Protein backbone atom coordinates (compact mmCIF):
# COMPACT_ATOMS: atom_id res chain seq x y z
CA MET A 1 73.60 65.71 -8.11
CA ALA A 2 70.20 64.96 -7.28
CA VAL A 3 68.91 65.95 -10.66
CA GLN A 4 71.62 63.91 -12.45
CA LYS A 5 70.67 60.83 -10.38
CA HIS A 6 67.02 61.18 -11.37
CA GLN A 7 67.71 61.43 -14.85
CA ILE A 8 69.90 58.33 -14.94
CA HIS A 9 66.93 56.48 -13.08
CA GLU A 10 64.35 57.90 -15.65
CA THR A 11 66.29 56.69 -18.50
CA ASP A 12 66.95 53.15 -17.38
CA GLU A 13 63.23 52.76 -16.45
CA ASP A 14 62.42 53.97 -19.90
CA PHE A 15 64.93 51.50 -21.62
CA ALA A 16 63.54 48.79 -19.35
CA THR A 17 59.91 49.53 -20.31
CA LEU A 18 60.99 49.68 -24.05
CA LEU A 19 62.81 46.41 -23.88
CA GLU A 20 59.98 44.65 -22.35
CA GLU A 21 57.36 46.03 -24.69
CA SER A 22 59.96 44.80 -27.65
CA PHE A 23 60.31 41.37 -25.85
CA LYS A 24 56.62 40.98 -25.64
CA LYS A 25 56.18 41.89 -29.36
CA GLU A 26 58.85 39.37 -30.48
CA SER A 27 58.33 36.60 -28.07
CA ASN A 28 54.70 36.25 -27.02
CA GLY A 29 53.01 33.14 -28.26
CA SER A 30 56.21 31.48 -29.66
CA LEU A 31 57.05 27.91 -28.82
CA CYS A 32 60.78 26.94 -27.75
CA GLU A 33 62.62 24.41 -25.96
CA GLY A 34 64.05 25.25 -22.84
CA GLU A 35 66.16 23.92 -20.09
CA ILE A 36 65.28 23.87 -16.30
CA VAL A 37 68.03 25.67 -14.50
CA ASN A 38 66.48 26.09 -10.99
CA ILE A 39 63.27 25.05 -8.89
CA LYS A 40 62.68 27.19 -6.02
CA ASP A 41 59.66 27.55 -3.77
CA ASN A 42 56.70 27.89 -6.18
CA GLU A 43 58.88 28.78 -9.30
CA VAL A 44 60.81 26.90 -11.76
CA LEU A 45 63.29 28.88 -13.79
CA VAL A 46 63.66 27.74 -17.58
CA ASP A 47 66.58 28.91 -19.93
CA VAL A 48 64.74 29.97 -23.02
CA HIS A 49 67.77 31.34 -24.60
CA LYS A 50 66.98 35.01 -23.73
CA LYS A 51 68.84 37.51 -21.76
CA SER A 52 66.57 36.51 -18.56
CA ASP A 53 65.54 33.00 -17.64
CA GLY A 54 61.82 32.28 -18.16
CA VAL A 55 59.45 32.03 -15.00
CA MET A 56 57.16 29.10 -14.64
CA ASP A 57 54.68 28.03 -11.81
CA ILE A 58 55.53 24.85 -10.33
CA SER A 59 52.14 23.46 -10.74
CA GLU A 60 52.90 23.33 -14.57
CA ILE A 61 55.24 20.13 -13.91
CA THR A 62 53.54 18.67 -10.67
CA ALA A 63 51.89 15.47 -11.22
CA ASN A 64 48.73 14.52 -9.35
CA ASP A 65 50.22 12.81 -6.80
CA GLY A 66 52.22 15.89 -5.90
CA SER A 67 55.55 14.50 -7.37
CA LEU A 68 57.58 16.50 -9.98
CA LYS A 69 57.41 15.04 -13.64
CA TYR A 70 60.91 17.02 -14.44
CA LYS A 71 64.16 17.95 -12.61
CA ILE A 72 67.00 20.65 -12.95
CA GLY A 73 68.93 20.20 -16.29
CA ASP A 74 65.80 18.62 -18.14
CA LYS A 75 64.78 19.84 -21.39
CA ILE A 76 61.24 20.78 -21.64
CA GLU A 77 58.99 22.52 -24.32
CA VAL A 78 57.28 25.89 -23.18
CA LEU A 79 55.34 28.32 -24.65
CA ILE A 80 56.25 32.17 -23.96
CA THR A 81 53.12 33.78 -22.81
CA GLY A 82 54.27 37.20 -21.65
CA SER A 83 56.75 38.89 -19.67
CA ARG A 84 57.00 40.31 -16.06
CA GLY A 85 59.82 42.75 -14.71
CA GLY A 86 61.66 42.05 -17.88
CA ARG A 87 61.38 38.29 -17.52
CA PRO A 88 59.65 35.93 -19.74
CA ILE A 89 56.53 34.09 -18.38
CA VAL A 90 56.53 30.59 -19.95
CA SER A 91 53.90 27.65 -19.76
CA HIS A 92 54.72 23.92 -20.37
CA LYS A 93 51.09 23.16 -20.22
CA LYS A 94 50.04 25.59 -22.89
CA ALA A 95 52.92 24.51 -24.95
CA LEU A 96 51.52 21.16 -25.08
CA ALA A 97 48.37 22.32 -25.87
CA LYS A 98 49.44 24.51 -28.78
CA SER A 99 51.37 21.46 -30.12
CA LYS A 100 48.27 19.32 -29.95
CA VAL A 101 46.47 22.10 -32.03
CA ALA A 102 49.36 22.08 -34.30
CA ASP A 103 49.21 18.21 -34.88
CA PHE A 104 45.42 18.52 -35.32
CA ILE A 105 45.69 21.21 -37.93
CA ALA A 106 48.51 19.17 -39.73
CA LYS A 107 46.19 16.41 -40.01
CA TYR A 108 43.15 18.32 -40.62
CA ASP A 109 40.88 17.23 -43.80
CA GLU A 110 38.25 19.91 -44.67
CA ASN A 111 36.42 17.23 -46.70
CA ALA A 112 35.84 15.00 -43.64
CA GLU A 113 32.63 15.44 -41.26
CA ASN A 114 34.89 17.34 -38.74
CA VAL A 115 32.46 16.72 -35.86
CA PHE A 116 33.79 16.38 -32.32
CA GLU A 117 32.62 16.22 -28.85
CA VAL A 118 34.12 18.87 -26.65
CA LYS A 119 33.66 19.99 -23.05
CA ILE A 120 33.35 23.61 -22.40
CA ALA A 121 36.28 24.76 -20.26
CA SER A 122 35.76 28.52 -20.00
CA LYS A 123 33.97 31.47 -21.41
CA ASN A 124 34.43 35.07 -22.07
CA LYS A 125 32.79 37.97 -24.14
CA GLY A 126 34.00 36.76 -27.44
CA GLY A 127 32.79 33.00 -26.93
CA TYR A 128 33.96 29.77 -25.38
CA VAL A 129 37.09 27.57 -25.01
CA ALA A 130 36.71 23.85 -24.96
CA TYR A 131 38.53 20.77 -25.29
CA ASP A 132 38.08 17.34 -26.71
CA GLU A 133 38.99 14.17 -25.24
CA ASN A 134 42.82 14.44 -26.43
CA GLY A 135 43.09 17.86 -24.86
CA VAL A 136 42.94 19.53 -28.20
CA GLU A 137 41.66 23.30 -27.72
CA PHE A 138 38.60 24.56 -29.73
CA PHE A 139 37.37 28.15 -29.78
CA ILE A 140 33.55 28.52 -30.27
CA PRO A 141 32.44 32.20 -31.02
CA ARG A 142 29.07 33.07 -29.18
CA SER A 143 27.53 33.78 -32.55
CA GLN A 144 27.94 30.05 -33.07
CA MET A 145 26.67 28.56 -29.81
CA ARG A 146 23.64 29.53 -27.27
CA GLU A 147 24.54 30.06 -23.58
CA ALA A 148 26.10 27.05 -22.20
CA ASN A 149 27.71 26.24 -18.87
CA VAL A 150 31.33 25.36 -17.97
CA GLY A 151 31.61 21.65 -17.94
CA THR A 152 28.87 20.98 -20.36
CA LEU A 153 29.56 18.11 -23.13
CA THR A 154 28.38 19.02 -26.75
CA LYS A 155 29.03 18.25 -30.23
CA VAL A 156 30.49 20.93 -32.47
CA LYS A 157 31.55 21.17 -36.32
CA VAL A 158 34.99 22.78 -37.17
CA ILE A 159 34.36 25.46 -39.47
CA LYS A 160 37.94 27.08 -39.76
CA VAL A 161 41.43 26.13 -38.81
CA ASP A 162 44.20 28.62 -38.92
CA ALA A 163 47.74 27.28 -38.91
CA GLU A 164 49.30 30.85 -38.81
CA GLU A 165 47.36 31.51 -35.64
CA ASN A 166 47.54 27.95 -34.49
CA SER A 167 43.71 27.86 -33.67
CA ILE A 168 40.64 25.91 -34.39
CA VAL A 169 37.25 27.53 -34.61
CA ALA A 170 34.11 25.49 -34.17
CA SER A 171 30.32 25.98 -34.34
CA LYS A 172 27.54 24.35 -32.59
CA ARG A 173 24.99 26.21 -34.76
CA ARG A 174 26.46 24.63 -37.95
CA MET A 175 25.93 21.34 -36.02
CA SER A 176 22.40 22.02 -34.83
CA ASP A 177 21.47 23.35 -38.46
CA ALA A 178 22.67 20.04 -39.99
CA SER A 179 21.00 17.87 -37.37
CA ARG A 180 17.69 19.84 -37.86
CA LYS A 181 17.82 19.15 -41.50
CA GLU A 182 18.70 15.41 -41.15
CA ARG A 183 15.83 15.18 -38.50
CA LYS A 184 13.26 16.91 -40.83
CA GLU A 185 14.23 14.49 -43.74
CA ALA A 186 13.93 11.63 -41.60
CA LEU A 187 10.46 12.69 -40.13
CA GLU A 188 9.26 13.33 -43.88
CA GLN A 189 10.36 9.65 -44.68
CA ILE A 190 8.95 8.14 -41.56
CA ALA A 191 5.69 10.16 -41.89
CA ALA A 192 5.27 8.75 -45.27
CA ARG A 193 5.05 5.29 -43.61
CA THR A 194 1.94 6.16 -41.57
CA GLY A 195 0.03 2.96 -40.66
CA GLU A 196 3.18 0.59 -40.82
CA VAL A 197 4.73 -1.08 -37.73
CA VAL A 198 8.49 -0.30 -37.46
CA THR A 199 11.24 -1.04 -34.97
CA GLY A 200 12.71 1.74 -32.81
CA VAL A 201 14.79 2.55 -29.73
CA ILE A 202 13.64 4.15 -26.63
CA LYS A 203 15.51 7.29 -26.34
CA LYS A 204 13.92 8.99 -23.37
CA ILE A 205 11.36 8.30 -20.69
CA THR A 206 8.95 10.86 -19.14
CA SER A 207 5.93 10.64 -17.06
CA TYR A 208 3.74 11.06 -20.01
CA GLY A 209 5.10 8.60 -22.35
CA MET A 210 8.39 7.61 -24.06
CA PHE A 211 10.26 9.25 -27.04
CA VAL A 212 11.31 6.53 -29.73
CA ASP A 213 13.89 6.74 -32.38
CA VAL A 214 12.49 5.38 -35.60
CA GLY A 215 14.96 5.64 -38.37
CA GLY A 216 16.62 8.88 -37.24
CA ALA A 217 13.21 10.62 -36.42
CA ASP A 218 11.87 10.83 -32.83
CA GLY A 219 8.39 10.07 -32.17
CA LEU A 220 6.32 10.11 -29.07
CA VAL A 221 4.46 7.18 -27.46
CA HIS A 222 1.86 8.69 -25.23
CA TYR A 223 1.31 6.61 -22.05
CA LYS A 224 -2.17 5.75 -23.08
CA GLU A 225 -0.70 4.33 -26.20
CA ILE A 226 1.66 1.77 -24.52
CA SER A 227 -0.99 -1.05 -23.43
CA TYR A 228 -4.45 -2.10 -23.80
CA LYS A 229 -4.69 -2.03 -20.12
CA GLY A 230 -5.00 1.62 -20.22
CA PRO A 231 -2.68 4.68 -19.00
CA ILE A 232 0.44 3.05 -17.82
CA ASN A 233 3.70 4.48 -16.12
CA PRO A 234 6.10 3.67 -19.08
CA ALA A 235 9.17 3.20 -16.70
CA SER A 236 7.30 0.14 -15.05
CA LEU A 237 7.89 -1.94 -18.28
CA TYR A 238 10.82 -0.19 -20.19
CA LYS A 239 14.02 1.41 -19.87
CA GLU A 240 16.04 3.81 -22.15
CA GLY A 241 17.89 1.94 -24.91
CA ASP A 242 15.19 -0.82 -25.34
CA SER A 243 14.06 -1.74 -28.92
CA VAL A 244 10.33 -1.62 -29.45
CA ASP A 245 7.92 -2.26 -32.10
CA VAL A 246 5.62 0.67 -32.79
CA LYS A 247 2.93 1.53 -35.27
CA ILE A 248 3.19 4.97 -36.84
CA ILE A 249 -0.13 6.54 -36.09
CA SER A 250 0.21 10.24 -37.57
CA TYR A 251 2.35 13.12 -38.37
CA ASP A 252 1.80 16.63 -37.57
CA LYS A 253 3.62 18.64 -40.32
CA ASP A 254 3.06 21.99 -38.93
CA LYS A 255 3.93 20.82 -35.40
CA LYS A 256 6.62 18.52 -36.62
CA HIS A 257 4.94 16.07 -34.06
CA LEU A 258 5.33 12.15 -35.07
CA SER A 259 2.78 9.97 -32.94
CA LEU A 260 3.49 6.35 -32.20
CA SER A 261 1.74 3.56 -30.48
CA ILE A 262 3.01 0.21 -28.75
CA LYS A 263 -0.42 -1.35 -28.36
CA ALA A 264 -1.44 -0.69 -31.79
CA ALA A 265 1.44 -2.76 -33.19
CA GLN A 266 -0.02 -5.75 -31.32
CA PRO A 267 -2.91 -7.98 -31.62
CA ASP A 268 -6.05 -6.50 -29.99
CA PRO A 269 -6.79 -8.65 -26.83
CA TRP A 270 -10.15 -7.25 -26.70
CA SER A 271 -10.98 -9.41 -29.98
CA GLU A 272 -10.34 -12.35 -27.99
CA ILE A 273 -12.42 -11.22 -25.14
CA LYS A 274 -15.35 -10.67 -27.44
CA GLU A 275 -15.24 -14.11 -28.84
CA GLY A 276 -14.21 -16.17 -25.88
CA LEU A 277 -15.67 -14.44 -22.59
CA SER A 278 -19.12 -13.99 -21.38
CA VAL A 279 -20.77 -12.66 -18.18
CA GLY A 280 -20.89 -15.39 -15.61
CA ASP A 281 -17.68 -17.14 -16.54
CA ALA A 282 -15.08 -17.93 -13.70
CA ILE A 283 -11.94 -16.95 -14.81
CA ARG A 284 -8.34 -17.05 -12.78
CA VAL A 285 -6.65 -13.46 -12.58
CA THR A 286 -3.58 -11.94 -11.01
CA VAL A 287 -4.12 -8.79 -8.60
CA SER A 288 -2.10 -6.17 -10.40
CA ASN A 289 -2.68 -2.94 -8.35
CA ILE A 290 -4.79 -2.34 -5.30
CA GLU A 291 -6.40 1.06 -4.50
CA PRO A 292 -8.75 1.92 -1.55
CA TYR A 293 -11.90 1.51 -3.70
CA GLY A 294 -10.95 -1.64 -5.21
CA ALA A 295 -8.21 -3.66 -7.38
CA PHE A 296 -7.11 -4.16 -11.06
CA VAL A 297 -6.53 -7.67 -12.16
CA ASP A 298 -4.71 -8.95 -15.01
CA LEU A 299 -6.36 -11.41 -17.28
CA GLY A 300 -3.07 -12.40 -18.60
CA ASN A 301 -3.56 -11.14 -22.23
CA ASP A 302 -2.79 -7.37 -21.77
CA VAL A 303 -6.33 -6.72 -20.73
CA GLU A 304 -7.43 -5.67 -16.96
CA GLY A 305 -10.54 -6.01 -14.99
CA PHE A 306 -11.79 -4.18 -12.09
CA LEU A 307 -12.78 -5.73 -8.77
CA HIS A 308 -14.70 -3.27 -6.68
CA ILE A 309 -14.37 -3.23 -3.01
CA SER A 310 -17.89 -4.21 -2.64
CA GLU A 311 -17.24 -7.41 -4.72
CA ILE A 312 -14.45 -8.44 -2.74
CA SER A 313 -16.10 -9.85 0.39
CA TRP A 314 -19.66 -10.48 1.72
CA ASP A 315 -18.58 -8.34 4.59
CA LYS A 316 -20.37 -4.82 3.87
CA ASN A 317 -18.07 -3.07 6.34
CA ILE A 318 -14.89 -3.89 4.50
CA SER A 319 -12.79 -0.59 4.73
CA ASN A 320 -9.41 -1.82 2.95
CA PRO A 321 -8.89 -4.50 0.05
CA LYS A 322 -5.41 -5.19 1.38
CA ASP A 323 -7.20 -6.96 4.32
CA PHE A 324 -8.40 -9.82 1.77
CA ILE A 325 -6.18 -9.70 -1.36
CA LYS A 326 -2.68 -8.67 -1.91
CA GLU A 327 -0.79 -7.65 -5.28
CA GLY A 328 0.75 -10.51 -7.37
CA GLU A 329 -1.88 -12.89 -5.76
CA SER A 330 -3.68 -15.26 -8.30
CA ILE A 331 -7.56 -15.41 -7.40
CA ASP A 332 -10.62 -16.94 -8.96
CA VAL A 333 -13.22 -14.39 -9.94
CA GLU A 334 -16.57 -14.12 -11.71
CA VAL A 335 -17.24 -11.77 -14.85
CA ILE A 336 -20.06 -9.74 -14.04
CA GLU A 337 -19.76 -7.00 -16.61
CA ILE A 338 -18.25 -6.91 -20.16
CA ASN A 339 -18.56 -3.58 -22.21
CA HIS A 340 -16.83 -3.65 -25.65
CA ASP A 341 -17.61 -0.30 -26.67
CA THR A 342 -15.82 1.57 -23.45
CA ARG A 343 -13.54 -1.63 -22.99
CA ARG A 344 -14.61 -2.04 -19.36
CA LEU A 345 -14.69 -5.57 -17.55
CA ARG A 346 -15.82 -5.84 -14.13
CA VAL A 347 -15.42 -9.06 -11.93
CA SER A 348 -16.56 -10.25 -8.60
CA LEU A 349 -14.59 -12.51 -6.07
CA LYS A 350 -17.47 -12.81 -3.43
CA ASN A 351 -19.78 -14.36 -6.12
CA LEU A 352 -17.55 -17.53 -6.15
CA LEU A 353 -17.51 -17.75 -2.22
CA ALA A 354 -20.13 -19.29 0.02
CA LYS A 355 -23.03 -16.91 0.73
CA PRO A 356 -22.60 -16.36 4.58
CA PHE A 357 -26.71 -16.13 4.70
CA ASP A 358 -26.81 -19.63 3.12
CA GLU A 359 -24.20 -21.12 5.62
CA PHE A 360 -26.15 -19.50 8.64
CA LYS A 361 -29.24 -20.91 7.49
CA ALA A 362 -27.70 -24.37 7.25
CA GLU A 363 -26.18 -24.27 10.43
CA HIS A 364 -28.77 -22.62 12.90
CA LYS A 365 -32.66 -22.42 13.71
CA ALA A 366 -34.87 -20.17 15.56
CA GLY A 367 -34.39 -20.32 19.26
CA ASP A 368 -30.56 -20.89 18.95
CA ILE A 369 -28.47 -18.96 21.57
CA LEU A 370 -25.74 -17.05 19.53
CA LYS A 371 -22.66 -15.09 20.20
CA GLY A 372 -22.03 -11.90 18.29
CA GLU A 373 -20.59 -8.52 18.24
CA ILE A 374 -22.43 -5.07 17.73
CA VAL A 375 -21.14 -3.40 14.59
CA SER A 376 -23.43 -0.54 14.59
CA THR A 377 -26.38 1.25 16.18
CA THR A 378 -29.49 3.01 14.68
CA GLU A 379 -32.63 4.81 15.93
CA PHE A 380 -34.54 1.51 15.35
CA GLY A 381 -32.03 -1.02 16.89
CA ALA A 382 -28.58 -2.52 16.31
CA PHE A 383 -26.87 -4.78 13.92
CA VAL A 384 -25.07 -7.69 15.48
CA LYS A 385 -22.16 -9.63 13.55
CA ILE A 386 -22.44 -13.37 13.90
CA PRO A 387 -19.70 -15.85 12.52
CA THR A 388 -20.53 -18.44 10.08
CA LYS A 389 -18.29 -21.41 8.81
CA SER A 390 -16.40 -19.06 6.34
CA SER A 391 -17.48 -15.63 7.14
CA PHE A 392 -20.21 -13.91 9.10
CA VAL A 393 -23.65 -12.55 8.78
CA GLU A 394 -25.29 -9.48 10.40
CA GLY A 395 -28.70 -9.92 12.27
CA LEU A 396 -30.93 -7.10 13.43
CA LEU A 397 -31.85 -6.66 17.41
CA HIS A 398 -34.69 -4.28 17.09
CA ASN A 399 -35.44 -2.11 19.90
CA GLU A 400 -38.56 -3.81 21.10
CA ASP A 401 -36.64 -7.03 21.27
CA ALA A 402 -33.47 -5.45 23.15
CA SER A 403 -35.01 -4.64 26.43
CA TRP A 404 -38.44 -5.41 28.29
CA ASP A 405 -38.43 -1.65 29.10
CA ARG A 406 -40.27 -0.14 25.96
CA GLY A 407 -38.58 3.13 26.42
CA LYS A 408 -35.01 1.67 25.98
CA ARG A 409 -33.27 1.85 23.00
CA CYS A 410 -30.18 -0.19 21.70
CA LYS A 411 -28.11 3.05 21.14
CA ASP A 412 -28.60 4.01 24.95
CA PHE A 413 -26.89 1.01 26.40
CA LEU A 414 -24.87 -0.89 23.57
CA LYS A 415 -21.62 -0.09 22.09
CA VAL A 416 -20.02 -0.87 18.88
CA GLY A 417 -17.46 -3.64 19.26
CA GLU A 418 -19.20 -4.88 22.42
CA LYS A 419 -19.44 -8.62 22.65
CA ILE A 420 -23.19 -9.98 23.41
CA GLU A 421 -25.27 -13.17 23.55
CA VAL A 422 -28.53 -13.08 21.84
CA LYS A 423 -31.32 -15.35 20.77
CA LEU A 424 -32.44 -16.17 17.15
CA ILE A 425 -35.91 -15.40 16.89
CA LYS A 426 -36.55 -15.56 12.91
CA ILE A 427 -34.66 -16.17 9.58
CA ASP A 428 -36.50 -14.84 6.82
CA ASP A 429 -35.25 -16.72 3.98
CA LYS A 430 -36.91 -14.38 1.18
CA ALA A 431 -35.71 -11.21 2.41
CA GLY A 432 -32.45 -12.66 3.55
CA LYS A 433 -32.79 -11.22 7.04
CA ILE A 434 -31.95 -12.41 10.63
CA SER A 435 -34.08 -11.14 13.51
CA LEU A 436 -32.54 -11.35 17.20
CA SER A 437 -33.49 -11.09 20.76
CA LEU A 438 -31.79 -9.88 23.81
CA LYS A 439 -34.57 -9.69 26.06
CA GLU A 440 -35.83 -13.20 25.75
CA LEU A 441 -32.54 -14.19 27.37
CA GLN A 442 -33.57 -12.29 30.52
CA ASP A 443 -36.29 -12.70 33.00
CA SER A 444 -39.44 -11.01 32.03
CA PRO A 445 -40.63 -8.58 34.81
CA ILE A 446 -44.31 -9.37 33.57
CA ALA A 447 -43.70 -13.11 34.22
CA ASP A 448 -42.48 -12.31 37.60
CA PHE A 449 -45.74 -10.12 38.08
CA ALA A 450 -48.06 -12.69 36.76
CA SER A 451 -46.74 -14.94 39.36
CA LYS A 452 -48.01 -12.62 42.11
CA HIS A 453 -51.19 -11.28 40.60
CA LYS A 454 -54.12 -12.27 38.49
CA VAL A 455 -56.89 -10.98 36.63
CA GLY A 456 -59.21 -8.78 38.63
CA ASP A 457 -56.61 -7.57 41.20
CA LYS A 458 -56.54 -3.92 41.98
CA VAL A 459 -53.26 -2.25 41.32
CA THR A 460 -52.31 1.56 41.57
CA GLY A 461 -49.59 3.18 39.20
CA SER A 462 -48.48 6.28 37.56
CA ILE A 463 -49.14 7.37 34.11
CA LYS A 464 -45.80 7.56 32.20
CA ASP A 465 -47.04 8.35 28.46
CA VAL A 466 -50.41 9.42 26.76
CA LYS A 467 -51.48 8.26 23.36
CA GLY A 468 -54.57 8.63 21.46
CA PHE A 469 -55.76 5.01 22.00
CA GLY A 470 -54.90 5.19 25.91
CA ALA A 471 -52.14 5.40 28.28
CA PHE A 472 -49.09 3.64 29.68
CA VAL A 473 -49.05 2.91 33.31
CA GLU A 474 -45.92 2.04 35.35
CA LEU A 475 -46.76 -0.42 38.25
CA VAL A 476 -44.82 -1.42 41.20
CA GLY A 477 -41.44 -2.99 40.19
CA GLY A 478 -41.21 -1.04 36.98
CA VAL A 479 -43.64 -3.11 34.98
CA GLU A 480 -45.62 -1.27 32.62
CA ALA A 481 -49.35 -1.82 31.68
CA LEU A 482 -51.73 -0.51 29.03
CA ILE A 483 -55.05 1.22 29.85
CA ARG A 484 -57.33 2.08 26.95
CA LYS A 485 -59.31 5.10 26.59
CA GLU A 486 -62.72 2.95 26.61
CA ASP A 487 -61.46 1.52 30.07
CA ALA A 488 -60.93 4.65 31.67
CA THR A 489 -63.31 6.58 34.03
CA ASP A 490 -60.57 9.13 34.97
CA GLU A 491 -58.92 11.88 32.67
CA LEU A 492 -55.65 10.38 31.61
CA SER A 493 -52.52 12.63 31.83
CA VAL A 494 -48.93 12.13 32.25
CA GLY A 495 -47.81 11.93 35.90
CA ALA A 496 -51.29 11.25 37.49
CA SER A 497 -51.90 8.31 39.83
CA ILE A 498 -54.28 5.99 38.57
CA GLU A 499 -55.99 2.95 40.39
CA ALA A 500 -57.32 0.11 38.11
CA ALA A 501 -58.12 -3.49 37.88
CA ILE A 502 -56.04 -5.92 35.86
CA ALA A 503 -58.28 -6.82 32.82
CA ASP A 504 -55.75 -9.15 31.02
CA ILE A 505 -52.21 -10.62 31.56
CA ASP A 506 -50.46 -12.04 28.17
CA LYS A 507 -47.20 -13.53 29.45
CA SER A 508 -46.22 -14.80 25.73
CA LYS A 509 -46.52 -11.02 24.56
CA ALA A 510 -45.43 -9.67 27.91
CA ARG A 511 -48.52 -7.36 27.95
CA ILE A 512 -50.83 -6.21 30.81
CA ARG A 513 -54.11 -4.46 30.37
CA LEU A 514 -55.82 -2.40 32.98
CA SER A 515 -59.57 -1.07 33.36
CA GLN A 516 -60.89 1.47 35.85
CA LYS A 517 -64.47 0.57 34.80
CA LYS A 518 -64.03 -3.23 35.61
CA LEU A 519 -62.66 -1.85 39.03
CA ARG A 520 -65.78 0.10 39.58
CA VAL A 521 -67.93 -2.86 38.75
CA GLN A 522 -65.95 -4.83 41.05
CA LYS A 523 -66.33 -2.37 43.95
CA GLU A 524 -70.21 -2.19 43.25
CA ARG A 525 -70.40 -5.90 43.37
CA GLU A 526 -68.38 -6.04 46.56
CA ALA A 527 -70.67 -3.31 48.10
CA LEU A 528 -73.83 -5.29 46.79
CA ASP A 529 -72.68 -8.46 48.30
CA LYS A 530 -71.87 -6.76 51.83
CA PHE A 531 -75.41 -5.12 51.64
CA ASN A 532 -77.05 -8.35 50.91
CA ALA A 533 -75.22 -10.35 53.56
CA ALA A 534 -76.63 -7.84 56.15
CA SER A 535 -80.17 -7.39 54.91
CA ASP A 536 -83.26 -9.64 54.20
CA ASP A 537 -84.02 -7.79 51.08
CA LYS A 538 -81.90 -9.04 48.35
CA ILE A 539 -80.77 -6.47 45.60
CA THR A 540 -79.28 -7.64 42.50
CA ILE A 541 -76.94 -5.91 39.93
CA GLY A 542 -80.17 -5.93 37.41
CA ASP A 543 -81.99 -3.93 40.23
CA ILE A 544 -79.46 -1.35 40.33
CA ILE A 545 -79.35 -1.10 36.61
CA LYS A 546 -83.02 -0.58 36.32
CA GLU A 547 -82.89 2.00 38.89
CA GLN A 548 -80.38 3.95 37.14
CA LEU A 549 -82.27 3.83 33.99
CA ASN A 550 -85.38 4.87 35.52
């Protein structure tokens, strides 16, 4: 019995398999009209006039909003795509697609251009499946198109339609070959017009220039060929789709490269410059671009001039042009250089401004007390910024004029940015220099010393510095005096104490001179006077000198 059951089961299975294979062979790929007999869960059962109802996924009749396009009892066109477990597998979407292909083939005219834009839907080893805007399916063999991504839009040419197989075969390569041939012909035609000005349409803008379509041929307008101002970012002036006049410059036959120029299609503004502008002319310009080192200014005729940072202001310490000018601002400048060979034009803003030195000279005189700010210190002094009517000037405060202490330097006690009060001691009109003094606003230690001492007084001090001509001596109160070598009787060495007489006091120059020899003579005179006062025998200085000579 067990064997008999097994034999019956095996026979049934073989029959079902043969039936399904036969069904596949007869029915796969056929279109038919069916009737929806049941909708359950995710399946739709369709009567396709076979022994079993066809099975279709519910997504085939589901709208975008989730509703069903059909109901039980509705007639629907389906395509039998296979079978599973003896049941046909059907598809409504594929039936519609197949119908569209059939309609396309029925209307197909092989003598027409037959170029279509399609979207790649899927790819396999054999090629690509794509659809046009009407949902018509195209097959593109891999041999007819390079690698492409799903979702890519591309133009193809139909190379074969098969009504029996209900298929459309297309080629991208045929399309490309035709396009290349057309472009080559267009390039050769336009190249023959080298030197002419033509109208083109901007197709693509890049950082290095623009591709312009002229009569079906693409040429490059390099960014240096856009404006007479020089290299320029094309995106700042144009956009894709704009019409422009271009001059055909050259054509490289080997590289298939067409060079175009926008600026060459326009009158050369430098010819106007050559005829109507000279060095020294004052012109009105617009600030077009500001850089850390200066600014570019537009003359209004596609010519740019350069305004160096040093020509913006009389302020030597200017660090940022934007502190004085701004983009888009109209300013008056003076032309200071025109070079037609290099097409270089330089201008100056400060030349049209009042010179701060002239303003200062008109407003002040020697002896004026001024307020200023330390802008820098050096080994020899400090520069002080002093305001004028419209700007400011810089005056020099030399170390010698900064302090009554000869060894003190400006950098030792003054800081950049510090506000100080100074006395104007000299305006050098020829050299354009201003000399200042800080110490003249302070009490002179020598003036105070002179009020308490006179020439001939004996003083003591300490040698601070020794020079070839003598030594500087620090007296009581920090006052400095000079003793020359010819006035010394002792050896002069730093740190040594010294006793001498005051030989001279010059309050105007704040100088004191000492002399040991003078002190010795004074002592001898004092001793002689004392001796003569106590003795009847009078002795003179001459007697003493004679005795020393003998």
